[in-house]
Protein backbone atom coordinates (compact mmCIF):
# COMPACT_ATOMS: atom_id res chain seq x y z
CA MET A 1 -3.13 -11.83 -15.49
CA GLY A 2 -2.80 -8.93 -12.60
CA LYS A 3 -3.84 -5.67 -12.70
CA PHE A 4 -4.10 -2.02 -11.28
CA LEU A 5 -7.34 -1.00 -9.89
CA VAL A 6 -7.89 3.06 -9.91
CA LYS A 7 -9.92 4.65 -7.27
CA LYS A 8 -10.72 8.50 -6.63
CA VAL A 9 -9.73 9.30 -3.18
CA ARG A 10 -10.22 12.91 -1.50
CA THR A 11 -6.98 13.80 -1.96
CA GLY A 12 -6.69 12.61 -5.54
CA ILE A 13 -6.35 9.32 -6.99
CA ARG A 14 -4.86 6.16 -6.30
CA PHE A 15 -4.55 2.49 -7.18
CA ASP A 16 -3.53 -1.19 -6.07
CA LEU A 17 -2.34 -3.59 -7.79
CA VAL A 18 -4.44 -7.06 -7.08
CA ALA A 19 -2.82 -10.15 -8.41
CA ASN A 20 -4.86 -12.76 -10.86
CA ASN A 21 -6.19 -14.54 -7.67
CA HIS A 22 -8.03 -11.16 -6.73
CA GLU A 23 -5.78 -10.21 -3.62
CA VAL A 24 -4.12 -7.17 -2.92
CA ILE A 25 -0.83 -7.44 -3.43
CA GLY A 26 0.31 -3.70 -3.55
CA VAL A 27 -1.04 -0.13 -3.54
CA SER A 28 0.16 3.44 -4.65
CA GLU A 29 0.63 6.22 -3.62
CA VAL A 30 -2.10 9.71 -3.88
CA TYR A 31 -1.53 11.80 -7.24
CA GLU A 32 -3.06 14.71 -7.93
CA SER A 33 -3.53 13.76 -11.98
CA ASN A 34 -4.26 11.15 -14.80
CA ALA A 35 -0.88 11.59 -15.90
CA ALA A 36 0.85 11.13 -13.20
CA LEU A 37 -0.33 8.47 -11.85
CA LYS A 38 -0.26 6.75 -16.00
CA ASN A 39 4.04 8.24 -15.40
CA GLY A 40 3.81 6.05 -12.48
CA ILE A 41 2.23 3.13 -12.37
CA GLU A 42 5.14 2.85 -15.89
CA SER A 43 7.81 3.33 -13.15
CA ILE A 44 5.92 0.07 -11.03
CA ARG A 45 6.24 -2.12 -14.95
CA LYS A 46 9.39 -1.10 -15.76
CA ASN A 47 10.92 -0.69 -12.13
CA ALA A 48 9.51 -3.56 -10.52
CA LEU A 49 11.31 -5.56 -13.15
CA GLU A 50 14.88 -4.09 -12.67
CA ALA A 51 14.60 -4.57 -8.94
CA GLN A 52 13.87 -8.20 -9.80
CA GLU A 53 17.53 -8.92 -9.04
CA LYS A 54 17.54 -6.55 -6.32
CA ILE A 55 15.97 -7.66 -2.34
CA GLU A 56 17.08 -5.49 0.05
CA ASP A 57 16.40 -7.61 2.68
CA GLN A 58 16.74 -4.95 5.74
CA THR A 59 15.57 -7.40 8.72
CA LEU A 60 19.78 -8.84 8.62
CA GLY A 61 20.22 -5.25 10.53
CA ASP A 62 23.55 -3.98 9.71
CA ASP A 63 24.94 -6.76 7.52
CA PHE A 64 22.19 -6.92 4.87
CA GLU A 65 23.86 -6.20 1.37
CA SER A 66 22.38 -2.88 -0.04
CA PHE A 67 21.43 -2.62 -3.15
CA THR A 68 21.75 1.04 -5.70
CA ASN A 69 17.69 2.48 -7.31
CA PRO A 70 15.04 0.68 -8.27
CA LYS A 71 15.03 -1.31 -5.55
CA PHE A 72 12.38 -3.77 -2.80
CA GLU A 73 13.56 -3.19 0.81
CA ILE A 74 11.69 -5.90 3.23
CA PHE A 75 11.98 -4.86 6.83
CA VAL A 76 9.28 -5.87 10.38
CA ASP A 77 6.82 -3.68 11.33
CA LYS A 78 5.98 -2.42 14.37
CA GLY A 79 3.90 -5.41 14.86
CA GLY A 80 6.88 -7.41 14.39
CA GLU A 81 5.30 -8.74 10.91
CA PHE A 82 7.21 -7.90 7.12
CA ARG A 83 6.82 -5.81 5.03
CA PHE A 84 8.10 -4.10 2.00
CA ASN A 85 8.28 -1.38 -0.70
CA LEU A 86 9.76 -0.81 -4.48
CA LYS A 87 11.55 2.15 -4.36
CA ALA A 88 12.14 3.49 -7.98
CA ARG A 89 15.56 5.35 -9.29
CA ASN A 90 14.93 7.94 -7.28
CA GLY A 91 14.63 6.73 -4.01
CA GLU A 92 10.68 7.38 -3.94
CA ILE A 93 8.46 5.01 -2.42
CA ILE A 94 6.44 4.13 -6.09
CA LEU A 95 4.38 1.22 -3.89
CA ALA A 96 4.06 -0.62 -0.46
CA GLY A 97 2.97 -3.70 0.51
CA SER A 98 -0.52 -3.86 1.32
CA GLU A 99 -0.28 -6.07 4.47
CA GLY A 100 2.00 -7.17 6.70
CA TYR A 101 3.37 -11.17 6.40
CA THR A 102 4.38 -13.23 9.64
CA THR A 103 6.81 -14.39 7.71
CA LYS A 104 10.40 -13.63 5.59
CA ALA A 105 9.28 -15.90 3.07
CA ALA A 106 6.09 -15.01 2.60
CA CYS A 107 6.64 -11.47 2.27
CA LYS A 108 8.59 -12.69 -0.02
CA LYS A 109 6.10 -14.76 -2.16
CA GLY A 110 4.53 -10.88 -2.13
CA ILE A 111 7.26 -9.71 -4.13
CA ALA A 112 7.45 -12.56 -6.48
CA SER A 113 3.90 -11.67 -6.89
CA VAL A 114 4.44 -7.78 -7.68
CA ILE A 115 7.06 -9.05 -9.66
CA HIS A 116 5.08 -11.05 -11.60
CA ASN A 117 2.13 -9.37 -12.11
CA ALA A 118 2.51 -5.59 -12.72
CA PRO A 119 4.79 -5.80 -15.99
CA ASP A 120 0.77 -6.81 -17.94
CA ALA A 121 -0.73 -5.25 -15.38
CA GLU A 122 -4.65 -3.87 -17.13
CA VAL A 123 -5.41 -0.70 -15.89
CA GLU A 124 -9.23 -0.90 -15.05
CA GLU A 125 -11.15 2.05 -12.82
CA VAL A 126 -13.43 1.45 -10.03
CA SER A 127 -16.54 3.18 -10.85
CA GLU A 128 -18.87 5.58 -8.85
CA ASP A 129 -21.23 2.86 -8.79
CA GLU A 130 -19.23 -0.03 -7.30
CA LYS A 131 -17.68 2.52 -5.41
CA LYS A 132 -21.47 3.24 -3.62
CA THR A 133 -20.95 7.17 -4.19
CA LYS A 134 -23.31 8.83 -2.54
CA SER A 135 -24.42 6.39 0.26
CA LEU A 136 -20.59 6.83 2.09
CA LYS A 137 -19.44 8.03 5.53
CA LYS A 138 -16.02 9.19 6.01
CA LYS A 139 -14.56 8.51 9.16
CA THR A 140 -10.85 9.49 10.86
CA VAL A 141 -8.13 7.61 13.71
CA LYS A 142 -5.57 9.53 15.34
CA VAL A 143 -2.31 6.95 14.79
CA THR A 144 -0.01 7.43 17.00
CA GLY A 145 3.67 5.71 16.54
CA MET A 146 4.53 6.71 13.05
CA ALA A 147 7.45 8.56 12.22
CA CYS A 148 8.57 8.28 8.46
CA ASP A 149 7.60 6.30 5.22
CA HIS A 150 7.75 3.39 5.82
CA CYS A 151 5.75 4.25 8.90
CA LYS A 152 3.09 5.94 7.03
CA ALA A 153 3.08 3.13 3.44
CA ALA A 154 2.87 0.33 6.05
CA VAL A 155 -0.50 2.29 7.70
CA HIS A 156 -2.23 2.63 4.32
CA GLY A 157 -1.28 -1.15 2.32
CA ALA A 158 -3.41 -2.31 6.08
CA VAL A 159 -6.22 0.29 5.58
CA SER A 160 -6.67 0.35 2.64
CA GLY A 161 -6.44 -3.35 2.12
CA LEU A 162 -9.66 -3.69 4.06
CA GLU A 163 -12.47 -4.53 2.09
CA HIS A 164 -15.62 -1.88 1.57
CA ILE A 165 -12.79 0.86 2.52
CA TYR A 166 -11.95 3.49 0.13
CA ASN A 167 -10.19 7.04 0.02
CA VAL A 168 -7.63 6.27 2.44
CA ASP A 169 -5.49 8.90 3.21
CA VAL A 170 -2.59 9.14 5.76
CA ASP A 171 -1.13 11.89 7.10
CA LEU A 172 1.44 11.54 9.45
CA LEU A 173 2.11 15.17 10.18
CA SER A 174 -1.13 14.57 12.37
CA GLY A 175 -1.93 11.19 12.39
CA ILE A 176 -4.66 11.83 10.93
CA VAL A 177 -5.62 8.63 9.15
CA THR A 178 -9.04 9.14 7.39
CA PHE A 179 -11.05 6.72 5.07
CA GLU A 180 -14.70 6.55 3.58
CA HIS A 181 -17.27 3.42 4.03
CA PRO A 182 -20.49 2.50 3.08
CA GLU A 183 -22.60 4.11 5.03
CA GLU A 184 -25.22 0.83 6.18
CA LEU A 185 -21.16 -1.13 7.50
CA ASP A 186 -19.66 -0.08 10.89
CA LEU A 187 -16.21 -1.10 10.13
CA LEU A 188 -14.12 0.98 12.20
CA ALA A 189 -13.23 -1.39 14.27
CA LYS A 190 -12.00 -3.70 11.62
CA VAL A 191 -10.03 -0.15 10.33
CA VAL A 192 -8.36 0.37 14.42
CA GLU A 193 -7.60 -3.51 14.91
CA ALA A 194 -5.91 -3.73 11.09
CA ILE A 195 -3.90 -0.96 12.43
CA ILE A 196 -2.66 -2.27 15.65
CA ASP A 197 -2.14 -5.23 13.86
CA ALA A 198 0.34 -3.39 11.91
CA GLY A 199 2.27 -2.59 14.86
CA TYR A 200 0.49 1.14 15.60
CA GLU A 201 -1.67 2.39 18.64
CA VAL A 202 -5.36 3.85 18.02
CA ALA A 203 -5.76 6.71 20.56
CA GLU A 204 -9.23 6.82 21.99
């Protein structure tokens, strides 16, 4: 059984959807309250099932079959990798894939994992001890090339999916990505690599 792993971040609270093999398969937006986050989780549980037969493959160009929301969307990021989003009935992206996939088949497996794990996933909060809050160091990088919510979700997913990275915040307007990591670890190079692999550039 998968789980929704809830984390506190600088601007609110968010969660990762984690499969039973401990792999992060999806990341949420940031919520301002526990009530909103709870509604978000319930929305993913409901919409993942409703959208399981509505997978919109936007990589097919003008010939792709369009579906009404809720739906999964498959698209190619600037790095040429396949990614997916889950959209709610109102068109809002409620879950973004945590990583880019080299093949469309692997991306579809990620969607299948969301459909399989989300409905019955338990909710678990990351404790302050687990996050080592007292010893976290904040870092920022400036990303160029982000132009839409797809881009923001792709960068957020790429950084959030890294081990020992917490409190990720992506500002689409400024291009600033903020994150925290334990003081004893130097993870800036890994973050930059993940962003570049997602198809975006990091300013020096």
